[in-house]
N, C-alpha and C. Protein backbone atom coordinates (compact mmCIF):
# COMPACT_ATOMS: atom_id res chain seq x y z
N MET A 1 0.91 -1.17 0.17
CA MET A 1 0.07 0.13 -0.31
C MET A 1 0.74 1.12 -0.09
N VAL A 2 0.74 2.38 -0.98
CA VAL A 2 0.99 3.45 -0.86
C VAL A 2 0.38 4.70 -0.87
N GLU A 3 0.54 5.47 -0.05
CA GLU A 3 -0.32 6.89 0.47
C GLU A 3 0.34 7.97 -0.52
N TYR A 4 -0.74 8.41 -1.16
CA TYR A 4 -0.13 9.57 -1.88
C TYR A 4 -0.85 10.87 -1.38
N GLY A 5 -2.07 10.97 -1.36
CA GLY A 5 -2.68 12.91 -0.81
C GLY A 5 -2.24 13.59 -1.85
N LYS A 6 -2.32 13.50 -2.85
CA LYS A 6 -1.90 14.18 -3.99
C LYS A 6 -3.35 14.60 -5.15
N LEU A 7 -3.04 15.32 -5.42
CA LEU A 7 -4.44 15.80 -6.30
C LEU A 7 -3.84 14.98 -8.13
N VAL A 8 -4.84 14.39 -8.73
CA VAL A 8 -4.82 13.38 -9.56
C VAL A 8 -5.75 13.92 -10.77
N ARG A 9 -5.07 13.34 -11.92
CA ARG A 9 -6.07 13.66 -13.57
C ARG A 9 -7.15 12.90 -13.22
N ASP A 10 -7.99 12.98 -13.43
CA ASP A 10 -9.63 12.66 -12.99
C ASP A 10 -9.27 10.90 -13.77
N LYS A 11 -8.96 10.84 -14.73
CA LYS A 11 -9.12 9.33 -15.16
C LYS A 11 -8.26 8.35 -14.48
N ILE A 12 -7.13 8.74 -13.31
CA ILE A 12 -6.35 7.82 -12.60
C ILE A 12 -6.92 6.69 -12.00
N PRO A 13 -8.12 7.02 -11.22
CA PRO A 13 -8.48 6.14 -10.59
C PRO A 13 -8.87 4.95 -11.40
N ASP A 14 -9.34 5.14 -12.59
CA ASP A 14 -10.08 4.05 -13.83
C ASP A 14 -8.56 3.34 -14.13
N ILE A 15 -7.53 3.97 -14.34
CA ILE A 15 -6.44 3.29 -14.83
C ILE A 15 -5.93 2.45 -13.76
N ILE A 16 -6.09 2.67 -12.43
CA ILE A 16 -5.67 1.95 -11.71
C ILE A 16 -6.51 0.70 -11.32
N PHE A 17 -7.54 0.73 -11.64
CA PHE A 17 -8.71 -0.17 -11.60
C PHE A 17 -8.49 -1.41 -12.79
N GLU A 18 -8.36 -0.44 -13.94
CA GLU A 18 -7.90 -1.40 -14.98
C GLU A 18 -6.79 -2.12 -14.98
N GLU A 19 -5.63 -2.22 -14.03
CA GLU A 19 -4.43 -2.64 -13.85
C GLU A 19 -4.83 -3.65 -12.63
N GLY A 20 -6.17 -3.53 -12.12
CA GLY A 20 -6.36 -4.44 -11.23
C GLY A 20 -5.95 -4.11 -9.76
N LYS A 21 -5.81 -3.01 -9.55
CA LYS A 21 -5.41 -2.64 -8.16
C LYS A 21 -6.91 -1.99 -7.99
N ILE A 22 -6.82 -1.38 -6.65
CA ILE A 22 -7.83 -0.80 -5.98
C ILE A 22 -7.23 0.59 -4.90
N SER A 23 -8.04 1.66 -5.46
CA SER A 23 -7.82 3.04 -4.74
C SER A 23 -8.70 3.82 -4.34
N LEU A 24 -8.34 4.38 -3.13
CA LEU A 24 -9.35 5.17 -2.13
C LEU A 24 -9.47 6.41 -2.38
N ILE A 25 -10.11 7.21 -2.83
CA ILE A 25 -10.21 8.57 -3.27
C ILE A 25 -11.19 9.17 -2.50
N HIS A 26 -11.03 10.38 -2.44
CA HIS A 26 -12.23 11.39 -2.17
C HIS A 26 -12.12 12.68 -3.01
N THR A 27 -13.35 13.57 -3.31
CA THR A 27 -13.26 14.94 -3.91
C THR A 27 -12.71 16.06 -2.79
N ALA A 28 -12.12 16.40 -3.42
CA ALA A 28 -11.71 18.25 -2.61
C ALA A 28 -12.73 18.87 -2.46
N ASP A 29 -13.14 19.64 -1.30
CA ASP A 29 -13.82 20.79 -1.30
C ASP A 29 -12.61 21.75 -1.73
N GLU A 30 -13.34 23.11 -1.58
CA GLU A 30 -12.69 23.85 -2.37
C GLU A 30 -10.95 24.58 -1.76
N GLU A 31 -10.96 24.66 -0.80
CA GLU A 31 -10.14 24.95 0.10
C GLU A 31 -8.82 23.96 -0.19
N GLU A 32 -9.17 22.41 -0.30
CA GLU A 32 -8.23 21.48 -0.20
C GLU A 32 -8.01 21.63 -1.67
N PHE A 33 -8.72 21.70 -2.74
CA PHE A 33 -8.62 21.95 -3.84
C PHE A 33 -7.43 22.82 -4.58
N LYS A 34 -7.52 24.16 -3.73
CA LYS A 34 -6.92 25.29 -4.03
C LYS A 34 -5.10 24.69 -3.46
N ILE A 35 -5.58 24.49 -2.19
CA ILE A 35 -3.87 23.69 -1.87
C ILE A 35 -3.32 22.93 -2.63
N LYS A 36 -4.19 21.80 -2.95
CA LYS A 36 -3.74 20.58 -3.88
C LYS A 36 -3.02 21.08 -4.99
N LEU A 37 -4.17 22.33 -5.90
CA LEU A 37 -3.16 22.56 -7.23
C LEU A 37 -2.09 23.35 -6.92
N ASN A 38 -1.97 24.05 -5.57
CA ASN A 38 -0.87 24.74 -5.83
C ASN A 38 0.47 23.74 -5.23
N GLU A 39 0.32 23.04 -4.79
CA GLU A 39 1.08 21.44 -4.51
C GLU A 39 1.68 20.85 -5.88
N LYS A 40 0.37 20.83 -6.75
CA LYS A 40 0.13 20.14 -8.02
C LYS A 40 1.12 20.94 -8.67
N LEU A 41 1.40 22.43 -8.89
CA LEU A 41 1.76 22.88 -9.93
C LEU A 41 3.30 23.05 -9.21
N ILE A 42 3.69 23.02 -8.11
CA ILE A 42 5.45 22.99 -7.65
C ILE A 42 5.75 21.44 -8.06
N GLU A 43 5.02 20.73 -7.98
CA GLU A 43 5.15 19.28 -8.41
C GLU A 43 5.43 19.03 -9.82
N GLU A 44 4.72 19.44 -10.50
CA GLU A 44 4.78 19.57 -12.28
C GLU A 44 6.10 20.52 -12.57
N ALA A 45 6.15 21.53 -11.92
CA ALA A 45 7.33 22.38 -12.31
C ALA A 45 8.70 21.78 -12.14
N THR A 46 8.57 21.08 -10.82
CA THR A 46 9.95 20.41 -10.53
C THR A 46 10.32 19.31 -11.42
N GLU A 47 9.13 18.38 -11.75
CA GLU A 47 9.13 17.53 -12.81
C GLU A 47 9.79 18.01 -14.26
N PHE A 48 9.18 19.30 -14.03
CA PHE A 48 9.72 19.66 -15.62
C PHE A 48 11.29 20.13 -15.73
N SER A 49 11.60 20.69 -14.54
CA SER A 49 13.05 21.30 -14.10
C SER A 49 14.30 20.11 -14.52
N GLU A 50 13.65 19.11 -13.61
CA GLU A 50 14.23 17.68 -13.69
C GLU A 50 14.25 17.05 -15.26
N ASN A 51 13.27 17.01 -15.81
CA ASN A 51 13.24 16.46 -17.53
C ASN A 51 12.22 17.35 -18.39
N PRO A 52 13.05 18.54 -18.71
CA PRO A 52 12.53 19.42 -19.73
C PRO A 52 12.38 18.76 -20.61
N SER A 53 11.12 18.69 -20.70
CA SER A 53 10.21 18.04 -22.14
C SER A 53 8.70 18.51 -22.51
N ILE A 54 8.12 18.28 -23.14
CA ILE A 54 7.20 18.97 -23.79
C ILE A 54 6.18 18.02 -23.06
N GLU A 55 6.36 16.66 -22.89
CA GLU A 55 5.08 16.22 -21.83
C GLU A 55 4.94 16.65 -20.41
N GLU A 56 6.16 17.15 -19.96
CA GLU A 56 6.35 17.84 -18.52
C GLU A 56 5.74 18.88 -18.80
N LEU A 57 6.03 19.96 -19.73
CA LEU A 57 5.25 21.39 -19.79
C LEU A 57 4.06 21.38 -20.44
N ALA A 58 3.49 19.69 -21.09
CA ALA A 58 2.10 19.60 -21.05
C ALA A 58 1.59 19.76 -19.49
N ASP A 59 1.93 18.92 -18.66
CA ASP A 59 1.52 18.74 -17.36
C ASP A 59 1.34 19.99 -16.62
N VAL A 60 2.53 20.62 -17.08
CA VAL A 60 2.59 22.09 -16.15
C VAL A 60 1.39 22.76 -16.65
N PHE A 61 1.32 22.94 -17.85
CA PHE A 61 -0.08 24.07 -18.67
C PHE A 61 -1.28 22.94 -18.53
N GLU A 62 -1.45 22.08 -17.92
CA GLU A 62 -2.90 21.42 -17.51
C GLU A 62 -3.12 21.89 -16.21
N VAL A 63 -2.15 21.95 -15.24
CA VAL A 63 -2.12 22.91 -14.16
C VAL A 63 -2.84 24.07 -13.89
N ILE A 64 -1.69 24.76 -14.75
CA ILE A 64 -2.52 25.99 -15.21
C ILE A 64 -3.85 26.32 -15.15
N ASN A 65 -4.15 25.50 -16.37
CA ASN A 65 -5.87 25.56 -16.87
C ASN A 65 -6.50 25.42 -16.27
N ALA A 66 -5.83 24.37 -14.85
CA ALA A 66 -6.69 24.27 -13.70
C ALA A 66 -7.18 25.13 -12.82
N ILE A 67 -6.08 25.78 -12.51
CA ILE A 67 -5.73 26.82 -11.80
C ILE A 67 -6.65 28.45 -12.43
N CYS A 68 -6.93 28.20 -13.67
CA CYS A 68 -7.18 29.47 -14.50
C CYS A 68 -9.13 29.31 -14.22
N GLU A 69 -9.09 28.17 -14.47
CA GLU A 69 -10.89 27.66 -14.21
C GLU A 69 -11.18 27.54 -12.75
N PHE A 70 -10.10 27.46 -11.74
CA PHE A 70 -10.61 27.57 -10.49
C PHE A 70 -10.96 29.00 -10.13
N TYR A 71 -9.95 29.66 -10.60
CA TYR A 71 -10.13 31.06 -9.95
C TYR A 71 -10.54 31.80 -10.69
N GLY A 72 -11.21 31.33 -12.28
CA GLY A 72 -11.89 32.39 -13.12
C GLY A 72 -11.13 33.18 -13.77
N PHE A 73 -9.78 33.14 -13.94
CA PHE A 73 -8.78 33.33 -15.03
C PHE A 73 -9.51 33.24 -16.09
N ASP A 74 -8.98 34.19 -17.41
CA ASP A 74 -9.37 34.08 -18.85
C ASP A 74 -8.14 33.85 -19.55
N LEU A 75 -7.32 33.31 -20.07
CA LEU A 75 -6.09 32.73 -20.68
C LEU A 75 -6.31 33.75 -21.56
N LYS A 76 -6.98 34.76 -21.85
CA LYS A 76 -7.11 35.71 -23.00
C LYS A 76 -6.24 37.12 -22.14
N GLU A 77 -6.80 37.22 -20.96
CA GLU A 77 -6.63 38.04 -19.77
C GLU A 77 -5.03 37.68 -19.73
N ILE A 78 -4.84 36.81 -19.44
CA ILE A 78 -3.30 36.04 -18.95
C ILE A 78 -2.51 36.59 -19.92
N GLU A 79 -2.98 36.39 -21.40
CA GLU A 79 -1.81 36.57 -22.30
C GLU A 79 -1.47 38.23 -22.41
N GLU A 80 -2.63 38.96 -22.16
CA GLU A 80 -2.35 40.32 -22.27
C GLU A 80 -1.83 40.86 -20.87
N GLU A 81 -1.61 40.39 -20.07
CA GLU A 81 -1.06 40.94 -18.92
C GLU A 81 0.43 40.20 -19.29
N ARG A 82 0.52 39.15 -19.83
CA ARG A 82 2.22 39.07 -19.88
C ARG A 82 2.68 39.59 -21.06
N ILE A 83 2.11 40.37 -21.98
CA ILE A 83 2.76 41.11 -22.80
C ILE A 83 2.67 42.47 -22.56
N LYS A 84 1.84 42.94 -21.49
CA LYS A 84 1.99 44.35 -20.82
C LYS A 84 3.30 44.26 -19.97
N LYS A 85 3.30 43.08 -19.29
CA LYS A 85 4.73 43.00 -18.41
C LYS A 85 5.66 42.91 -19.41
N LEU A 86 5.64 42.12 -20.43
CA LEU A 86 6.90 42.30 -21.39
C LEU A 86 7.42 43.77 -22.22
N ASN A 87 6.48 44.36 -22.35
CA ASN A 87 6.70 45.69 -22.74
C ASN A 87 7.29 46.29 -21.94
N GLU A 88 6.72 46.51 -20.54
CA GLU A 88 7.12 47.47 -19.64
C GLU A 88 8.39 47.19 -18.86
N ARG A 89 8.95 45.40 -18.48
CA ARG A 89 9.84 44.95 -17.88
C ARG A 89 10.59 43.95 -18.51
N GLY A 90 10.50 43.85 -20.20
CA GLY A 90 11.11 43.02 -20.82
C GLY A 90 10.38 41.68 -20.43
N GLY A 91 11.54 40.39 -21.19
CA GLY A 91 11.13 39.17 -21.11
C GLY A 91 12.58 38.81 -20.58
N PHE A 92 12.96 37.61 -20.87
CA PHE A 92 14.15 36.51 -20.32
C PHE A 92 14.90 36.32 -22.03
N THR A 93 14.82 36.81 -22.87
CA THR A 93 15.44 36.45 -24.05
C THR A 93 17.17 36.99 -23.59
N GLU A 94 17.26 37.85 -23.21
CA GLU A 94 18.63 38.26 -22.76
C GLU A 94 19.36 37.61 -22.02
N ARG A 95 18.94 36.72 -21.10
CA ARG A 95 19.26 35.84 -19.88
C ARG A 95 20.17 36.46 -19.07
N VAL A 96 19.37 38.02 -18.65
CA VAL A 96 20.20 38.76 -17.66
C VAL A 96 20.29 38.13 -16.29
N ILE A 97 21.17 37.91 -15.31
CA ILE A 97 21.52 37.80 -14.25
C ILE A 97 21.64 39.02 -13.06
N LEU A 98 20.67 38.88 -12.53
CA LEU A 98 20.81 40.14 -11.36
C LEU A 98 21.66 39.37 -10.35
N ASP A 99 23.27 40.09 -10.37
CA ASP A 99 23.94 39.44 -9.08
C ASP A 99 23.78 40.44 -7.69
N ILE A 100 24.18 41.85 -7.85
CA ILE A 100 24.12 42.97 -6.45
C ILE A 100 23.28 43.95 -6.81
N VAL A 101 22.88 44.80 -5.99
CA VAL A 101 22.16 46.11 -5.63
C VAL A 101 22.62 46.51 -5.13
N GLU A 102 23.17 48.11 -5.12
CA GLU A 102 23.80 48.73 -3.83
C GLU A 102 23.03 50.01 -3.85
């Protein structure tokens, strides 16, 4: 038996069942879901950091989409904010590392 206590994709319990295993699940309430979404974002970002791949980045995007849905954020508005910040503060294309400010 392995305990996880983490947010998983909706079809994971079915996949586990198809493998002949039994899982115990519950549906998160609003507060738990918010906490687990944050944990999942960190988990997926860490996995991408350790293995930069399209598959891992897709997982990060899936969590971001779930966060947008939970908070009612519009991806178009997020993109507009991204462009606004890009124009005001720049992006990361020049690879600038800030070492010291006096």
